Amino acid sequence: MKMMTAVNTIRIEKGQVDDILVRFKTAKSVHTFEGFILMEVLKKENSSEYDELKICTTWEDRTFFDKWLESRESQKAHGKKSEQKSEENPIISSELTTFEVAIQHKPAKQEV
């Protein structure tokens, strides 16, 4: 088993990032999926053209992520989660990339 991280990069109209960021403050169903380890939401600093968030989820193994992704796509296909592009939607674009966690360091344990 090889740990992996998925990163969804979301570009947002300048000044609208907090409207999207609030959507991630409360844990969603992804947190209940088998193999889920961690979610981090990263807010890009010092961007002049647009705002950007990176939604990073880490999984025990690629198979767990794939199962979650299939479930999510199934929900979208059945209309349970539809977010259509409209003038009120400040999201410019989003791109999903995946990474194998090749090396990971944790803090050294300090002896007392």
C-alpha atoms as a PDB file:
ATOM      1  CA  MET A   1       0.000   0.000   0.000  1.00  0.00           C
ATOM      2  CA  LYS A   2       1.291   3.440  -0.953  1.00  0.00           C
ATOM      3  CA  MET A   3      -0.131   6.544   0.653  1.00  0.00           C
ATOM      4  CA  MET A   4      -1.333   9.199  -1.809  1.00  0.00           C
ATOM      5  CA  THR A   5      -2.525  12.789  -1.802  1.00  0.00           C
ATOM      6  CA  ALA A   6      -5.072  14.348  -4.137  1.00  0.00           C
ATOM      7  CA  VAL A   7      -4.957  18.097  -4.712  1.00  0.00           C
ATOM      8  CA  ASN A   8      -7.888  20.026  -6.162  1.00  0.00           C
ATOM      9  CA  THR A   9      -6.670  23.475  -7.210  1.00  0.00           C
ATOM     10  CA  ILE A  10      -9.545  25.961  -7.374  1.00  0.00           C
ATOM     11  CA  ARG A  11      -9.063  29.371  -8.984  1.00  0.00           C
ATOM     12  CA  ILE A  12     -11.525  31.956  -7.718  1.00  0.00           C
ATOM     13  CA  GLU A  13     -12.384  35.488  -8.760  1.00  0.00           C
ATOM     14  CA  LYS A  14     -10.278  37.989  -6.805  1.00  0.00           C
ATOM     15  CA  GLY A  15     -11.870  38.932  -3.486  1.00  0.00           C
ATOM     16  CA  GLN A  16     -14.288  35.971  -3.438  1.00  0.00           C
ATOM     17  CA  VAL A  17     -12.086  33.334  -1.770  1.00  0.00           C
ATOM     18  CA  ASP A  18     -13.797  33.543   1.632  1.00  0.00           C
ATOM     19  CA  ASP A  19     -17.165  32.690   0.009  1.00  0.00           C
ATOM     20  CA  ILE A  20     -15.667  29.394  -1.172  1.00  0.00           C
ATOM     21  CA  LEU A  21     -13.442  28.789   1.868  1.00  0.00           C
ATOM     22  CA  VAL A  22     -16.465  28.685   4.190  1.00  0.00           C
ATOM     23  CA  ARG A  23     -17.696  25.564   2.338  1.00  0.00           C
ATOM     24  CA  PHE A  24     -14.759  23.610   3.787  1.00  0.00           C
ATOM     25  CA  LYS A  25     -14.962  24.724   7.446  1.00  0.00           C
ATOM     26  CA  THR A  26     -17.297  21.865   8.377  1.00  0.00           C
ATOM     27  CA  ALA A  27     -16.283  18.240   7.829  1.00  0.00           C
ATOM     28  CA  LYS A  28     -18.087  16.596   4.916  1.00  0.00           C
ATOM     29  CA  SER A  29     -18.724  12.972   3.973  1.00  0.00           C
ATOM     30  CA  VAL A  30     -15.179  12.521   2.640  1.00  0.00           C
ATOM     31  CA  HIS A  31     -14.033  12.454   6.274  1.00  0.00           C
ATOM     32  CA  THR A  32     -16.044   9.288   6.869  1.00  0.00           C
ATOM     33  CA  PHE A  33     -14.634   7.276   3.962  1.00  0.00           C
ATOM     34  CA  GLU A  34     -12.449   4.256   4.608  1.00  0.00           C
ATOM     35  CA  GLY A  35      -8.784   5.037   4.053  1.00  0.00           C
ATOM     36  CA  PHE A  36      -9.163   8.810   4.511  1.00  0.00           C
ATOM     37  CA  ILE A  37      -6.309  10.262   6.594  1.00  0.00           C
ATOM     38  CA  LEU A  38      -6.295  14.039   6.348  1.00  0.00           C
ATOM     39  CA  MET A  39      -7.724  17.087   4.605  1.00  0.00           C
ATOM     40  CA  GLU A  40      -5.920  20.405   4.344  1.00  0.00           C
ATOM     41  CA  VAL A  41      -7.287  23.529   2.667  1.00  0.00           C
ATOM     42  CA  LEU A  42      -4.472  25.822   1.552  1.00  0.00           C
ATOM     43  CA  LYS A  43      -5.143  29.471   0.693  1.00  0.00           C
ATOM     44  CA  LYS A  44      -2.628  30.982  -1.728  1.00  0.00           C
ATOM     45  CA  GLU A  45      -0.941  34.158  -0.562  1.00  0.00           C
ATOM     46  CA  ASN A  46       0.029  37.165  -2.662  1.00  0.00           C
ATOM     47  CA  SER A  47      -1.915  36.366  -5.831  1.00  0.00           C
ATOM     48  CA  SER A  48      -2.718  39.483  -7.851  1.00  0.00           C
ATOM     49  CA  GLU A  49      -4.902  38.113 -10.669  1.00  0.00           C
ATOM     50  CA  TYR A  50      -7.166  35.642  -8.845  1.00  0.00           C
ATOM     51  CA  ASP A  51      -7.522  33.859  -5.515  1.00  0.00           C
ATOM     52  CA  GLU A  52      -6.617  30.185  -5.201  1.00  0.00           C
ATOM     53  CA  LEU A  53      -7.379  27.319  -2.846  1.00  0.00           C
ATOM     54  CA  LYS A  54      -5.774  23.891  -2.828  1.00  0.00           C
ATOM     55  CA  ILE A  55      -7.942  21.195  -1.274  1.00  0.00           C
ATOM     56  CA  CYS A  56      -5.556  18.397  -0.306  1.00  0.00           C
ATOM     57  CA  THR A  57      -6.766  14.998   0.865  1.00  0.00           C
ATOM     58  CA  THR A  58      -4.403  12.238   1.937  1.00  0.00           C
ATOM     59  CA  TRP A  59      -5.373   8.575   1.699  1.00  0.00           C
ATOM     60  CA  GLU A  60      -3.913   5.299   2.975  1.00  0.00           C
ATOM     61  CA  ASP A  61      -3.873   3.958  -0.579  1.00  0.00           C
ATOM     62  CA  ARG A  62      -4.981   4.956  -4.084  1.00  0.00           C
ATOM     63  CA  THR A  63      -7.796   2.383  -4.025  1.00  0.00           C
ATOM     64  CA  PHE A  64      -9.556   4.248  -1.187  1.00  0.00           C
ATOM     65  CA  PHE A  65      -9.367   7.541  -3.093  1.00  0.00           C
ATOM     66  CA  ASP A  66     -10.686   5.877  -6.252  1.00  0.00           C
ATOM     67  CA  LYS A  67     -13.685   4.480  -4.328  1.00  0.00           C
ATOM     68  CA  TRP A  68     -14.448   7.929  -2.917  1.00  0.00           C
ATOM     69  CA  LEU A  69     -14.085   9.513  -6.352  1.00  0.00           C
ATOM     70  CA  GLU A  70     -16.435   6.941  -7.920  1.00  0.00           C
ATOM     71  CA  SER A  71     -18.975   7.606  -5.182  1.00  0.00           C
ATOM     72  CA  ARG A  72     -18.703  11.344  -5.727  1.00  0.00           C
ATOM     73  CA  GLU A  73     -19.103  10.982  -9.495  1.00  0.00           C
ATOM     74  CA  SER A  74     -22.137   8.773  -8.926  1.00  0.00           C
ATOM     75  CA  GLN A  75     -23.722  11.474  -6.762  1.00  0.00           C
ATOM     76  CA  LYS A  76     -23.112  14.095  -9.443  1.00  0.00           C
ATOM     77  CA  ALA A  77     -24.491  11.827 -12.175  1.00  0.00           C
ATOM     78  CA  HIS A  78     -27.715  11.380 -10.215  1.00  0.00           C
ATOM     79  CA  GLY A  79     -28.142  15.097  -9.585  1.00  0.00           C
ATOM     80  CA  LYS A  80     -27.543  14.971  -5.839  1.00  0.00           C
ATOM     81  CA  LYS A  81     -24.734  17.491  -6.072  1.00  0.00           C
ATOM     82  CA  SER A  82     -25.100  19.965  -8.873  1.00  0.00           C
ATOM     83  CA  GLU A  83     -23.171  23.194  -8.958  1.00  0.00           C
ATOM     84  CA  GLN A  84     -23.622  24.731 -12.338  1.00  0.00           C
ATOM     85  CA  LYS A  85     -21.501  27.595 -13.591  1.00  0.00           C
ATOM     86  CA  SER A  86     -23.505  30.779 -13.248  1.00  0.00           C
ATOM     87  CA  GLU A  87     -22.781  34.476 -12.868  1.00  0.00           C
ATOM     88  CA  GLU A  88     -23.101  34.081  -9.078  1.00  0.00           C
ATOM     89  CA  ASN A  89     -20.442  31.342  -9.000  1.00  0.00           C
ATOM     90  CA  PRO A  90     -17.006  32.922  -8.416  1.00  0.00           C
ATOM     91  CA  ILE A  91     -15.063  29.747  -9.326  1.00  0.00           C
ATOM     92  CA  ILE A  92     -12.985  30.310 -12.448  1.00  0.00           C
ATOM     93  CA  SER A  93     -11.594  26.770 -12.773  1.00  0.00           C
ATOM     94  CA  SER A  94     -10.571  23.668 -10.875  1.00  0.00           C
ATOM     95  CA  GLU A  95      -8.001  20.969 -11.579  1.00  0.00           C
ATOM     96  CA  LEU A  96      -7.476  17.667  -9.798  1.00  0.00           C
ATOM     97  CA  THR A  97      -3.971  16.207  -9.550  1.00  0.00           C
ATOM     98  CA  THR A  98      -2.772  13.182  -7.600  1.00  0.00           C
ATOM     99  CA  PHE A  99       0.551  12.373  -5.982  1.00  0.00           C
ATOM    100  CA  GLU A 100       2.129   9.307  -4.436  1.00  0.00           C
ATOM    101  CA  VAL A 101       3.525  10.193  -1.013  1.00  0.00           C
ATOM    102  CA  ALA A 102       7.114   9.147  -1.679  1.00  0.00           C
ATOM    103  CA  ILE A 103       8.707  10.488   1.516  1.00  0.00           C
ATOM    104  CA  GLN A 104       7.172  11.793   4.716  1.00  0.00           C
ATOM    105  CA  HIS A 105       8.918  13.116   7.816  1.00  0.00           C
ATOM    106  CA  LYS A 106       7.210  13.599  11.152  1.00  0.00           C
ATOM    107  CA  PRO A 107       8.529  15.625  14.101  1.00  0.00           C
ATOM    108  CA  ALA A 108      11.322  13.995  16.070  1.00  0.00           C
ATOM    109  CA  LYS A 109      10.192  12.720  19.438  1.00  0.00           C
ATOM    110  CA  GLN A 110      11.820  14.583  22.266  1.00  0.00           C
ATOM    111  CA  GLU A 111      12.779  12.607  25.330  1.00  0.00           C
ATOM    112  CA  VAL A 112      11.955  14.066  28.724  1.00  0.00           C
END
